[in-house]
Amino acid sequence: MDGSLVPVVATGCEDFMARFRRRKVVLVAGGAGFVGSHLCETLISEGHSVVCLDNLQTGRIQNISALQAHPQFRFIEQDILDRLNWQGPLDEIYNLACPASPPLYQRDPIHTFRTCTEGVLNLLGLAKATGARILQASTSEVYGDPEITLQHEGYRGCVNTVGPRACYDEGKRAAETLFWEFGTHMGVEVRIARIFNTYGPRMSPEDGRVVSNFIVQALTGADITIYGDGMQTRSFCYVDDLVAGLKALMASETSDPVNLGNPGEFTMRELADMVLRQTDSRSRLVQCPLPVDDPRQRRPDISRAAARLGWAPTVPLEEGIARTIRHFAGELQVSDPCEALLHHV
């Protein structure tokens, strides 16, 4: 790839020239995914040149279809485990390239772990070679099944290294270590976002996480699967809020990990009741055994994000769920989930 993603600009409009001078070339790994596609869309709307890199393991072309014809957007179908051939300028790298849902990352746990280690090394090497600032989409899973609430960035977690979730949890922890090493010893400008449960439009009906599962089950009349007693909690952040947080972190001068999430805390039963009420569904609640290593509680301390980024989420869960239901209602007209999906978070 060359620098042709940044076009020659005709003289004339001072406002346009000012915008051009601020334009960046940004690589979004995992850019066809749920969060990545929203990030690509936002960056394009701000006038940046965006290269979306995705192996389409969990990303979907339909997520970026509206961007495909844009002159400042380019899609490359590639795994970050493969050698990255890059020529020309590069200002920023966002790494969102890893399945985030337990059913999906457990399909090929070795590939998941390699994505978080070998793939991350490839992107860090590219950042070092180009001088780009790089952001790692880490996760609240680094805290495991937490023993404290709220979870702050100094908490070292309670993670099972030999359980079914370890390929993702430990992979993300290893990725953070690699980022720290490259930042501390190789001069790479690194940023680490610890992302808590995120939801919103463009989640796949087959995603396998609790919000998408509950909504799909409610809209199709399938049983809503509650695991355990349903009193385990999560904190849900709407995707637009998360994208704003990622951009604020990238623009900041902090290399420390930063929690990005909504500290509002809800039980699985509260979420199920909200979805049933908003969809007017007659689906039944069905209890199933709790999965191995399923965290009992998640709630972020976002004081660091507030202090260093000036960031806080703004979309209430009721409103975000309503927007997400509208998305799924439209998508399910062309997608036909043949059975109730298992819910994991």
Protein backbone atom coordinates (compact mmCIF):
# COMPACT_ATOMS: atom_id res chain seq x y z
CA MET A 1 0.00 0.00 0.00
CA ASP A 2 1.26 3.49 -0.74
CA GLY A 3 0.27 6.89 0.51
CA SER A 4 -2.43 7.26 -2.13
CA LEU A 5 -5.12 7.01 0.51
CA VAL A 6 -4.44 10.70 1.21
CA PRO A 7 -5.54 12.49 -1.96
CA VAL A 8 -4.16 15.64 -3.50
CA VAL A 9 -6.37 18.53 -2.41
CA ALA A 10 -7.32 21.34 -4.75
CA THR A 11 -6.64 24.86 -3.57
CA GLY A 12 -9.43 27.20 -2.69
CA CYS A 13 -11.36 26.37 0.46
CA GLU A 14 -9.47 27.35 3.62
CA ASP A 15 -11.76 25.30 5.85
CA PHE A 16 -11.16 22.23 3.73
CA MET A 17 -7.39 22.80 3.76
CA ALA A 18 -7.42 23.12 7.53
CA ARG A 19 -9.31 19.85 7.73
CA PHE A 20 -6.83 18.25 5.32
CA ARG A 21 -3.89 19.26 7.48
CA ARG A 22 -5.47 17.45 10.40
CA ARG A 23 -6.15 14.30 8.39
CA LYS A 24 -4.53 11.11 9.62
CA VAL A 25 -3.95 7.71 8.10
CA VAL A 26 -5.45 5.18 10.51
CA LEU A 27 -5.33 1.39 10.47
CA VAL A 28 -8.23 -0.33 12.23
CA ALA A 29 -7.50 -4.04 12.73
CA GLY A 30 -10.80 -5.85 13.22
CA GLY A 31 -12.50 -2.94 11.50
CA ALA A 32 -15.35 -5.01 10.01
CA GLY A 33 -16.44 -6.13 13.46
CA PHE A 34 -19.19 -4.73 15.64
CA VAL A 35 -17.14 -2.05 17.41
CA GLY A 36 -14.53 -1.68 14.67
CA SER A 37 -17.07 -0.74 12.00
CA HIS A 38 -18.50 2.03 14.19
CA LEU A 39 -14.98 3.31 14.80
CA CYS A 40 -14.18 3.26 11.05
CA GLU A 41 -17.38 5.16 10.32
CA THR A 42 -16.58 7.82 12.91
CA LEU A 43 -13.00 8.27 11.70
CA ILE A 44 -14.15 8.60 8.08
CA SER A 45 -16.76 11.18 9.11
CA GLU A 46 -13.96 13.22 10.69
CA GLY A 47 -12.04 13.29 7.39
CA HIS A 48 -9.35 10.72 8.13
CA SER A 49 -8.09 8.04 5.75
CA VAL A 50 -8.99 4.62 7.13
CA VAL A 51 -7.62 1.19 6.27
CA CYS A 52 -9.83 -1.57 7.65
CA LEU A 53 -8.00 -4.87 8.16
CA ASP A 54 -10.14 -7.91 9.00
CA ASN A 55 -10.01 -11.67 8.39
CA LEU A 56 -13.84 -11.81 8.57
CA GLN A 57 -13.71 -14.58 11.17
CA THR A 58 -16.30 -12.66 13.18
CA GLY A 59 -16.40 -9.37 11.26
CA ARG A 60 -19.02 -8.89 8.55
CA ILE A 61 -18.76 -7.12 5.20
CA GLN A 62 -22.26 -5.74 5.70
CA ASN A 63 -20.95 -3.75 8.68
CA ILE A 64 -18.73 -1.68 6.38
CA SER A 65 -20.79 -1.80 3.17
CA ALA A 66 -21.73 1.88 3.46
CA LEU A 67 -18.03 2.82 3.55
CA GLN A 68 -16.79 0.70 0.66
CA ALA A 69 -17.22 3.38 -2.02
CA HIS A 70 -15.71 6.18 0.08
CA PRO A 71 -12.43 7.45 -1.40
CA GLN A 72 -10.81 7.65 2.05
CA PHE A 73 -11.65 4.05 2.98
CA ARG A 74 -9.90 0.83 2.04
CA PHE A 75 -10.68 -2.74 3.13
CA ILE A 76 -8.04 -5.46 3.27
CA GLU A 77 -9.09 -9.02 4.08
CA GLN A 78 -6.19 -10.33 6.14
CA ASP A 79 -5.38 -11.94 9.47
CA ILE A 80 -3.03 -9.98 11.73
CA LEU A 81 -1.09 -13.23 12.17
CA ASP A 82 0.08 -12.79 8.57
CA ARG A 83 2.92 -10.48 7.61
CA LEU A 84 1.72 -6.91 7.25
CA ASN A 85 3.08 -5.26 4.10
CA TRP A 86 2.81 -1.52 4.57
CA GLN A 87 4.25 1.35 2.56
CA GLY A 88 3.60 5.00 3.15
CA PRO A 89 2.58 7.03 6.20
CA LEU A 90 0.69 5.68 9.16
CA ASP A 91 -0.38 7.79 12.13
CA GLU A 92 -2.52 5.53 14.32
CA ILE A 93 -3.34 1.84 14.77
CA TYR A 94 -6.39 0.58 16.62
CA ASN A 95 -6.19 -3.15 17.39
CA LEU A 96 -9.69 -4.62 17.77
CA ALA A 97 -8.75 -7.86 15.98
CA CYS A 98 -9.94 -10.69 18.22
CA PRO A 99 -13.27 -12.47 18.79
CA ALA A 100 -14.80 -11.07 21.97
CA SER A 101 -17.64 -13.53 22.61
CA PRO A 102 -16.91 -16.79 24.51
CA PRO A 103 -18.68 -19.10 22.01
CA LEU A 104 -16.69 -17.52 19.17
CA TYR A 105 -13.24 -17.29 20.74
CA GLN A 106 -13.61 -20.84 22.11
CA ARG A 107 -14.16 -22.25 18.60
CA ASP A 108 -10.42 -22.03 17.96
CA PRO A 109 -8.75 -21.19 21.27
CA ILE A 110 -5.21 -21.57 19.92
CA HIS A 111 -5.91 -19.07 17.15
CA THR A 112 -7.46 -16.73 19.74
CA PHE A 113 -4.35 -16.86 21.89
CA ARG A 114 -2.02 -16.44 18.90
CA THR A 115 -4.06 -13.43 17.75
CA CYS A 116 -3.45 -11.83 21.15
CA THR A 117 0.29 -12.57 21.09
CA GLU A 118 1.79 -13.16 17.63
CA GLY A 119 -0.78 -10.90 15.96
CA VAL A 120 -0.19 -8.18 18.51
CA LEU A 121 3.57 -8.47 17.96
CA ASN A 122 3.01 -7.91 14.24
CA LEU A 123 1.03 -4.73 14.87
CA LEU A 124 3.49 -3.46 17.46
CA GLY A 125 6.31 -4.06 14.97
CA LEU A 126 4.39 -2.02 12.40
CA ALA A 127 3.87 0.77 14.92
CA LYS A 128 7.59 0.82 15.69
CA ALA A 129 8.54 0.85 12.01
CA THR A 130 6.14 3.67 11.08
CA GLY A 131 6.14 5.72 14.27
CA ALA A 132 2.38 5.24 14.62
CA ARG A 133 0.62 5.49 17.96
CA ILE A 134 -1.14 2.18 18.72
CA LEU A 135 -4.13 1.32 20.90
CA GLN A 136 -4.93 -2.16 22.20
CA ALA A 137 -8.55 -3.10 22.78
CA SER A 138 -8.08 -5.06 25.98
CA THR A 139 -10.94 -6.22 28.15
CA SER A 140 -12.47 -6.39 31.60
CA GLU A 141 -11.78 -10.13 31.31
CA VAL A 142 -8.25 -9.38 32.53
CA TYR A 143 -9.89 -9.03 35.97
CA GLY A 144 -11.34 -12.55 35.70
CA ASP A 145 -14.00 -13.35 38.31
CA PRO A 146 -13.26 -10.25 40.41
CA GLU A 147 -12.97 -10.33 44.18
CA ILE A 148 -13.54 -6.57 44.50
CA THR A 149 -16.06 -4.03 43.28
CA LEU A 150 -15.61 -1.59 41.61
CA GLN A 151 -12.78 -2.95 39.43
CA HIS A 152 -10.03 -0.34 39.12
CA GLU A 153 -6.98 -0.47 36.87
CA GLY A 154 -4.66 -1.34 39.77
CA TYR A 155 -6.56 -4.56 40.54
CA ARG A 156 -4.57 -7.56 39.28
CA GLY A 157 -7.51 -9.85 38.82
CA CYS A 158 -8.59 -13.40 39.61
CA VAL A 159 -8.12 -15.35 36.38
CA ASN A 160 -8.08 -19.12 35.82
CA THR A 161 -5.18 -19.88 33.49
CA VAL A 162 -6.42 -23.38 32.58
CA GLY A 163 -10.15 -22.85 32.04
CA PRO A 164 -12.23 -22.54 28.85
CA ARG A 165 -12.02 -18.73 28.92
CA ALA A 166 -8.24 -18.63 29.47
CA CYS A 167 -7.34 -18.40 25.77
CA TYR A 168 -9.00 -14.99 25.69
CA ASP A 169 -8.45 -13.76 29.26
CA GLU A 170 -4.77 -14.71 29.40
CA GLY A 171 -4.27 -13.75 25.76
CA LYS A 172 -5.44 -10.21 26.50
CA ARG A 173 -3.25 -10.06 29.59
CA ALA A 174 -0.26 -11.16 27.49
CA ALA A 175 -1.13 -8.49 24.90
CA GLU A 176 -1.05 -5.82 27.60
CA THR A 177 2.41 -7.03 28.65
CA LEU A 178 3.68 -6.80 25.07
CA PHE A 179 2.28 -3.28 24.80
CA TRP A 180 3.98 -2.30 28.05
CA GLU A 181 7.31 -3.73 26.89
CA PHE A 182 7.20 -1.96 23.52
CA GLY A 183 6.17 1.26 25.21
CA THR A 184 8.79 1.09 27.96
CA HIS A 185 11.78 -0.29 26.07
CA MET A 186 11.21 0.47 22.37
CA GLY A 187 9.72 3.93 22.42
CA VAL A 188 6.38 2.98 20.86
CA GLU A 189 3.46 5.22 21.85
CA VAL A 190 1.01 2.70 23.30
CA ARG A 191 -2.53 3.00 24.67
CA ILE A 192 -4.49 0.26 26.47
CA ALA A 193 -8.29 0.29 26.80
CA ARG A 194 -9.88 -2.22 29.18
CA ILE A 195 -13.31 -2.52 27.64
CA PHE A 196 -16.33 -3.63 29.64
CA ASN A 197 -19.45 -5.19 28.08
CA THR A 198 -20.40 -3.22 24.98
CA TYR A 199 -23.61 -3.52 22.97
CA GLY A 200 -25.48 -1.83 20.15
CA PRO A 201 -26.41 -2.02 16.46
CA ARG A 202 -24.29 -4.28 14.20
CA MET A 203 -23.86 -6.99 16.79
CA SER A 204 -24.34 -10.25 14.95
CA PRO A 205 -27.44 -12.31 15.80
CA GLU A 206 -25.00 -15.21 16.26
CA ASP A 207 -22.69 -13.14 18.48
CA GLY A 208 -23.36 -15.26 21.57
CA ARG A 209 -23.26 -12.49 24.17
CA VAL A 210 -26.07 -11.72 26.54
CA VAL A 211 -27.59 -8.58 24.97
CA SER A 212 -27.76 -10.01 21.46
CA ASN A 213 -28.98 -13.38 22.73
CA PHE A 214 -31.77 -11.94 24.86
CA ILE A 215 -32.98 -9.66 22.06
CA VAL A 216 -32.86 -12.36 19.36
CA GLN A 217 -34.60 -14.84 21.66
CA ALA A 218 -37.29 -12.31 22.56
CA LEU A 219 -37.91 -11.25 18.95
CA THR A 220 -38.13 -14.86 17.71
CA GLY A 221 -40.23 -16.12 20.63
CA ALA A 222 -37.53 -18.53 21.81
CA ASP A 223 -36.88 -19.23 25.48
CA ILE A 224 -34.61 -16.68 27.13
CA THR A 225 -31.74 -18.57 28.73
CA ILE A 226 -30.77 -17.36 32.20
CA TYR A 227 -27.59 -18.96 33.51
CA GLY A 228 -27.38 -19.72 37.20
CA ASP A 229 -29.84 -17.76 39.32
CA GLY A 230 -29.62 -14.73 37.03
CA MET A 231 -28.30 -12.53 39.82
CA GLN A 232 -24.82 -12.18 38.35
CA THR A 233 -24.26 -8.62 37.15
CA ARG A 234 -22.77 -6.79 34.22
CA SER A 235 -22.27 -3.14 33.28
CA PHE A 236 -23.32 -2.34 29.70
CA CYS A 237 -21.79 0.43 27.59
CA TYR A 238 -23.45 1.58 24.36
CA VAL A 239 -21.14 1.37 21.35
CA ASP A 240 -21.21 5.11 20.55
CA ASP A 241 -19.96 5.87 24.06
CA LEU A 242 -17.19 3.30 23.72
CA VAL A 243 -16.01 4.69 20.37
CA ALA A 244 -15.83 8.16 21.91
CA GLY A 245 -13.75 6.70 24.74
CA LEU A 246 -11.37 4.91 22.37
CA LYS A 247 -10.78 8.09 20.40
CA ALA A 248 -10.23 10.11 23.58
CA LEU A 249 -7.73 7.56 24.84
CA MET A 250 -5.85 7.51 21.53
CA ALA A 251 -5.59 11.31 21.65
CA SER A 252 -4.49 11.37 25.29
CA GLU A 253 -1.00 11.32 26.74
CA THR A 254 -1.52 8.37 29.08
CA SER A 255 0.11 5.00 28.46
CA ASP A 256 -1.49 3.40 31.53
CA PRO A 257 -4.43 1.02 31.07
CA VAL A 258 -7.80 2.80 31.22
CA ASN A 259 -11.19 1.22 31.96
CA LEU A 260 -13.89 2.09 29.42
CA GLY A 261 -17.37 1.03 30.41
CA ASN A 262 -20.62 2.13 31.97
CA PRO A 263 -20.63 1.78 35.77
CA GLY A 264 -24.39 1.22 35.84
CA GLU A 265 -24.83 -2.36 37.13
CA PHE A 266 -27.66 -4.71 36.20
CA THR A 267 -28.47 -8.34 36.95
CA MET A 268 -29.16 -10.74 34.11
CA ARG A 269 -32.78 -10.94 35.27
CA GLU A 270 -33.13 -7.16 35.15
CA LEU A 271 -31.75 -7.13 31.61
CA ALA A 272 -34.07 -9.96 30.54
CA ASP A 273 -37.09 -8.16 32.00
CA MET A 274 -36.10 -4.95 30.18
CA VAL A 275 -35.80 -6.76 26.83
CA LEU A 276 -39.12 -8.58 27.33
CA ARG A 277 -40.87 -5.33 28.19
CA GLN A 278 -39.46 -3.41 25.23
CA THR A 279 -40.15 -6.19 22.71
CA ASP A 280 -43.55 -7.09 24.18
CA SER A 281 -42.37 -10.71 23.89
CA ARG A 282 -43.98 -13.74 25.46
CA SER A 283 -40.71 -15.67 25.64
CA ARG A 284 -40.20 -17.69 28.81
CA LEU A 285 -37.24 -17.35 31.15
CA VAL A 286 -35.41 -20.69 31.41
CA GLN A 287 -32.63 -21.32 33.93
CA CYS A 288 -29.51 -23.26 32.89
CA PRO A 289 -26.32 -24.24 34.76
CA LEU A 290 -23.77 -21.47 35.15
CA PRO A 291 -20.83 -21.88 32.69
CA VAL A 292 -17.33 -22.59 34.03
CA ASP A 293 -15.50 -19.43 35.16
CA ASP A 294 -18.46 -17.17 34.35
CA PRO A 295 -17.80 -13.95 36.32
CA ARG A 296 -20.36 -13.21 39.02
CA GLN A 297 -19.97 -9.44 38.91
CA ARG A 298 -18.57 -6.74 36.66
CA ARG A 299 -18.59 -3.01 37.33
CA PRO A 300 -15.86 -0.61 36.22
CA ASP A 301 -14.24 2.17 38.16
CA ILE A 302 -13.97 4.84 35.44
CA SER A 303 -12.43 7.58 37.56
CA ARG A 304 -9.17 7.35 35.57
CA ALA A 305 -11.05 7.80 32.29
CA ALA A 306 -12.88 10.79 33.74
CA ALA A 307 -9.72 12.43 35.08
CA ARG A 308 -7.36 11.78 32.16
CA LEU A 309 -9.71 11.67 29.18
CA GLY A 310 -12.65 13.78 30.32
CA TRP A 311 -14.80 10.81 29.29
CA ALA A 312 -17.97 9.30 30.71
CA PRO A 313 -20.78 7.31 29.02
CA THR A 314 -23.98 9.18 28.24
CA VAL A 315 -26.47 6.65 26.81
CA PRO A 316 -28.75 5.04 29.45
CA LEU A 317 -29.31 1.29 29.15
CA GLU A 318 -33.04 1.66 28.45
CA GLU A 319 -32.34 3.94 25.48
CA GLY A 320 -29.45 1.87 24.16
CA ILE A 321 -31.46 -1.35 24.35
CA ALA A 322 -34.30 0.29 22.42
CA ARG A 323 -31.89 1.30 19.63
CA THR A 324 -30.39 -2.19 19.56
CA ILE A 325 -33.82 -3.86 19.40
CA ARG A 326 -34.68 -1.72 16.38
CA HIS A 327 -31.48 -2.86 14.67
CA PHE A 328 -32.14 -6.55 15.31
CA ALA A 329 -35.78 -6.25 14.31
CA GLY A 330 -34.62 -4.99 10.92
CA GLU A 331 -31.83 -7.52 10.51
CA LEU A 332 -33.95 -10.52 11.46
CA GLN A 333 -36.17 -9.82 8.46
CA VAL A 334 -33.32 -11.23 6.35
CA SER A 335 -31.56 -13.40 8.92
CA ASP A 336 -33.32 -16.42 10.37
CA PRO A 337 -31.69 -17.79 13.53
CA CYS A 338 -32.85 -21.41 13.51
CA GLU A 339 -32.59 -21.96 17.25
CA ALA A 340 -32.25 -20.13 20.53
CA LEU A 341 -28.69 -19.01 21.12
CA LEU A 342 -26.76 -19.84 24.27
CA HIS A 343 -25.95 -16.76 26.32
CA HIS A 344 -22.47 -16.20 27.61
CA VAL A 345 -20.90 -12.96 28.66
